Amino acid sequence: MKLIKASGFLLLLYMLALAGCGVYSFTGASIPVGAKTISISYFINNAPFIEPTLSHNLTDALRDKFLSQTSLSFVSQDGDLHLEGVITDYSTRPIAIQADQTAAQNRLNVQVRVKYVNTLDPSKDFETTFSRYEDYPSTQDLNAVKDQLLALINEALVDDIFNRAVVNW
């Protein structure tokens, strides 16, 4: 009986400790107390080369991540937390040159400039660049592997942005 009471007491202490750090979710997100909404503006593609679906897919993936991993509600503008961004690079280049001066591997790179505003705690605001890439064999045409590579890059970028914004480890 004492063990059950002690376990209950420890659980209560743990929950109170978490409450003092903001609203915690089991995904690792630490949402500021009082934050109820998030707005995520459409990410504009200003890269020298435009991939038509990139802006839409990145924006939607970010919105989905925040809605599924937090208790925040999405609003179109003026959220308690706000994200906006610009895709600044979408490029592919050779990375591994063979003895015969041909590329063995190519790299698809995507770079995004992100601004995060926390209206409840401006000390958490940031503006930074996130960059991710995936390599593919030069024997493959980019168009044949592009969708798969962009899905991996988008997932990594979304995780990076989410973690920087609301995971305060």
Protein backbone atom coordinates (compact mmCIF):
# COMPACT_ATOMS: atom_id res chain seq x y z
CA MET A 1 0.00 0.00 0.00
CA LYS A 2 2.86 2.37 0.88
CA LEU A 3 4.48 1.60 -2.48
CA ILE A 4 1.32 2.61 -4.36
CA LYS A 5 1.08 5.89 -2.42
CA ALA A 6 4.77 6.63 -2.98
CA SER A 7 4.43 5.91 -6.72
CA GLY A 8 1.38 8.15 -6.93
CA PHE A 9 3.21 10.92 -5.08
CA LEU A 10 6.23 10.65 -7.39
CA LEU A 11 3.99 10.74 -10.44
CA LEU A 12 2.28 13.87 -9.11
CA LEU A 13 5.66 15.55 -8.51
CA TYR A 14 6.80 14.64 -12.03
CA MET A 15 3.64 16.09 -13.58
CA LEU A 16 3.99 19.30 -11.55
CA ALA A 17 7.60 19.65 -12.68
CA LEU A 18 6.53 19.31 -16.29
CA ALA A 19 3.76 21.86 -15.82
CA GLY A 20 6.32 24.40 -14.68
CA CYS A 21 8.14 24.12 -18.01
CA GLY A 22 5.17 24.94 -20.20
CA VAL A 23 2.75 22.55 -21.80
CA TYR A 24 4.63 19.34 -22.46
CA SER A 25 3.64 16.73 -24.97
CA PHE A 26 5.08 13.24 -25.19
CA THR A 27 6.50 14.13 -28.62
CA GLY A 28 9.07 16.34 -26.90
CA ALA A 29 7.37 19.62 -27.73
CA SER A 30 7.34 22.22 -24.99
CA ILE A 31 4.62 24.72 -25.81
CA PRO A 32 4.66 27.99 -23.84
CA VAL A 33 1.94 28.38 -21.24
CA GLY A 34 -0.91 30.34 -22.78
CA ALA A 35 -0.07 29.44 -26.40
CA LYS A 36 -3.18 28.16 -28.09
CA THR A 37 -2.66 28.95 -31.77
CA ILE A 38 -0.04 28.73 -34.47
CA SER A 39 0.05 30.38 -37.87
CA ILE A 40 2.32 29.09 -40.60
CA SER A 41 2.59 31.26 -43.70
CA TYR A 42 3.01 29.72 -47.12
CA PHE A 43 6.73 29.18 -47.77
CA ILE A 44 7.65 31.11 -50.91
CA ASN A 45 10.11 29.54 -53.36
CA ASN A 46 12.83 32.03 -54.25
CA ALA A 47 15.40 29.43 -55.28
CA PRO A 48 17.21 29.98 -58.58
CA PHE A 49 15.64 26.74 -59.84
CA ILE A 50 11.99 26.17 -58.94
CA GLU A 51 10.53 22.79 -58.08
CA PRO A 52 6.79 23.49 -58.43
CA THR A 53 5.55 21.27 -55.57
CA LEU A 54 8.24 22.13 -53.02
CA SER A 55 6.59 25.17 -51.40
CA HIS A 56 3.22 23.51 -51.06
CA ASN A 57 4.62 20.22 -49.73
CA LEU A 58 6.93 21.88 -47.19
CA THR A 59 4.23 24.23 -45.90
CA ASP A 60 1.67 21.44 -45.58
CA ALA A 61 4.16 19.13 -43.87
CA LEU A 62 5.00 21.82 -41.30
CA ARG A 63 1.32 22.48 -40.61
CA ASP A 64 0.63 18.76 -40.26
CA LYS A 65 3.57 18.31 -37.87
CA PHE A 66 2.48 21.12 -35.55
CA LEU A 67 -1.15 20.06 -35.57
CA SER A 68 -0.43 16.38 -34.97
CA GLN A 69 2.40 16.80 -32.44
CA THR A 70 1.03 19.68 -30.34
CA SER A 71 -2.27 20.85 -28.90
CA LEU A 72 -2.09 24.10 -30.89
CA SER A 73 -4.89 25.15 -33.21
CA PHE A 74 -4.06 26.46 -36.66
CA VAL A 75 -5.05 30.03 -37.56
CA SER A 76 -4.33 31.73 -40.87
CA GLN A 77 -2.53 34.69 -39.28
CA ASP A 78 -1.50 36.25 -35.97
CA GLY A 79 -1.05 33.00 -34.07
CA ASP A 80 0.52 32.95 -30.61
CA LEU A 81 3.37 31.22 -32.44
CA HIS A 82 4.13 32.08 -36.04
CA LEU A 83 6.37 30.56 -38.71
CA GLU A 84 7.21 31.95 -42.11
CA GLY A 85 9.92 31.10 -44.55
CA VAL A 86 11.51 31.28 -47.96
CA ILE A 87 13.07 28.46 -49.93
CA THR A 88 16.41 29.94 -50.95
CA ASP A 89 18.07 27.00 -52.68
CA TYR A 90 17.02 23.97 -54.68
CA SER A 91 20.02 22.57 -56.51
CA THR A 92 21.80 19.45 -57.56
CA ARG A 93 25.54 19.09 -58.03
CA PRO A 94 28.13 16.37 -58.42
CA ILE A 95 29.90 15.38 -55.21
CA ALA A 96 32.02 12.31 -55.94
CA ILE A 97 34.27 12.50 -58.98
CA GLN A 98 35.70 9.28 -60.36
CA ALA A 99 39.10 8.74 -61.98
CA ASP A 100 37.63 9.35 -65.44
CA GLN A 101 36.40 12.81 -64.33
CA THR A 102 32.72 11.81 -64.20
CA ALA A 103 30.47 12.10 -61.18
CA ALA A 104 29.71 8.94 -59.23
CA GLN A 105 27.23 10.69 -56.91
CA ASN A 106 25.08 13.78 -57.11
CA ARG A 107 23.58 15.75 -54.24
CA LEU A 108 20.11 17.32 -54.17
CA ASN A 109 20.11 20.22 -51.72
CA VAL A 110 17.24 22.31 -50.33
CA GLN A 111 17.80 25.36 -48.15
CA VAL A 112 15.10 27.29 -46.28
CA ARG A 113 15.30 30.59 -44.40
CA VAL A 114 12.82 30.46 -41.48
CA LYS A 115 11.53 33.14 -39.14
CA TYR A 116 9.82 32.03 -35.92
CA VAL A 117 7.92 34.44 -33.70
CA ASN A 118 6.71 33.57 -30.21
CA THR A 119 4.39 36.40 -29.18
CA LEU A 120 4.30 35.14 -25.59
CA ASP A 121 8.08 34.90 -25.15
CA PRO A 122 10.02 36.97 -27.72
CA SER A 123 13.32 35.68 -26.33
CA LYS A 124 12.50 32.42 -28.18
CA ASP A 125 12.18 34.15 -31.58
CA PHE A 126 14.70 33.19 -34.24
CA GLU A 127 15.54 33.66 -37.87
CA THR A 128 17.86 31.03 -39.28
CA THR A 129 18.63 28.91 -42.31
CA PHE A 130 18.02 25.17 -42.45
CA SER A 131 19.60 23.02 -45.12
CA ARG A 132 19.21 19.35 -45.95
CA TYR A 133 20.37 17.15 -48.79
CA GLU A 134 20.16 13.65 -50.17
CA ASP A 135 22.68 11.95 -52.43
CA TYR A 136 21.85 9.79 -55.42
CA PRO A 137 23.88 7.86 -57.99
CA SER A 138 24.79 9.82 -61.09
CA THR A 139 23.55 6.90 -63.15
CA GLN A 140 20.01 7.86 -62.13
CA ASP A 141 18.12 10.74 -63.68
CA LEU A 142 17.06 13.33 -61.09
CA ASN A 143 13.48 13.23 -62.37
CA ALA A 144 13.34 9.51 -61.60
CA VAL A 145 14.37 9.92 -57.94
CA LYS A 146 13.30 13.49 -57.20
CA ASP A 147 10.00 12.73 -55.44
CA GLN A 148 11.60 10.18 -53.12
CA LEU A 149 14.56 12.46 -52.32
CA LEU A 150 12.35 15.49 -51.71
CA ALA A 151 10.13 13.49 -49.35
CA LEU A 152 13.20 12.62 -47.25
CA ILE A 153 14.53 16.19 -47.38
CA ASN A 154 11.14 17.66 -46.46
CA GLU A 155 10.78 15.31 -43.50
CA ALA A 156 14.22 16.26 -42.20
CA LEU A 157 13.62 20.00 -42.69
CA VAL A 158 10.27 19.81 -40.93
CA ASP A 159 11.83 17.95 -38.00
CA ASP A 160 14.66 20.51 -37.79
CA ILE A 161 12.27 23.47 -37.84
CA PHE A 162 9.86 21.88 -35.35
CA ASN A 163 12.66 20.96 -32.97
CA ARG A 164 14.21 24.44 -33.12
CA ALA A 165 10.83 26.09 -32.52
CA VAL A 166 9.28 24.03 -29.75
CA VAL A 167 11.62 21.34 -28.51
CA ASN A 168 13.75 22.95 -25.83
CA TRP A 169 16.19 20.23 -24.80
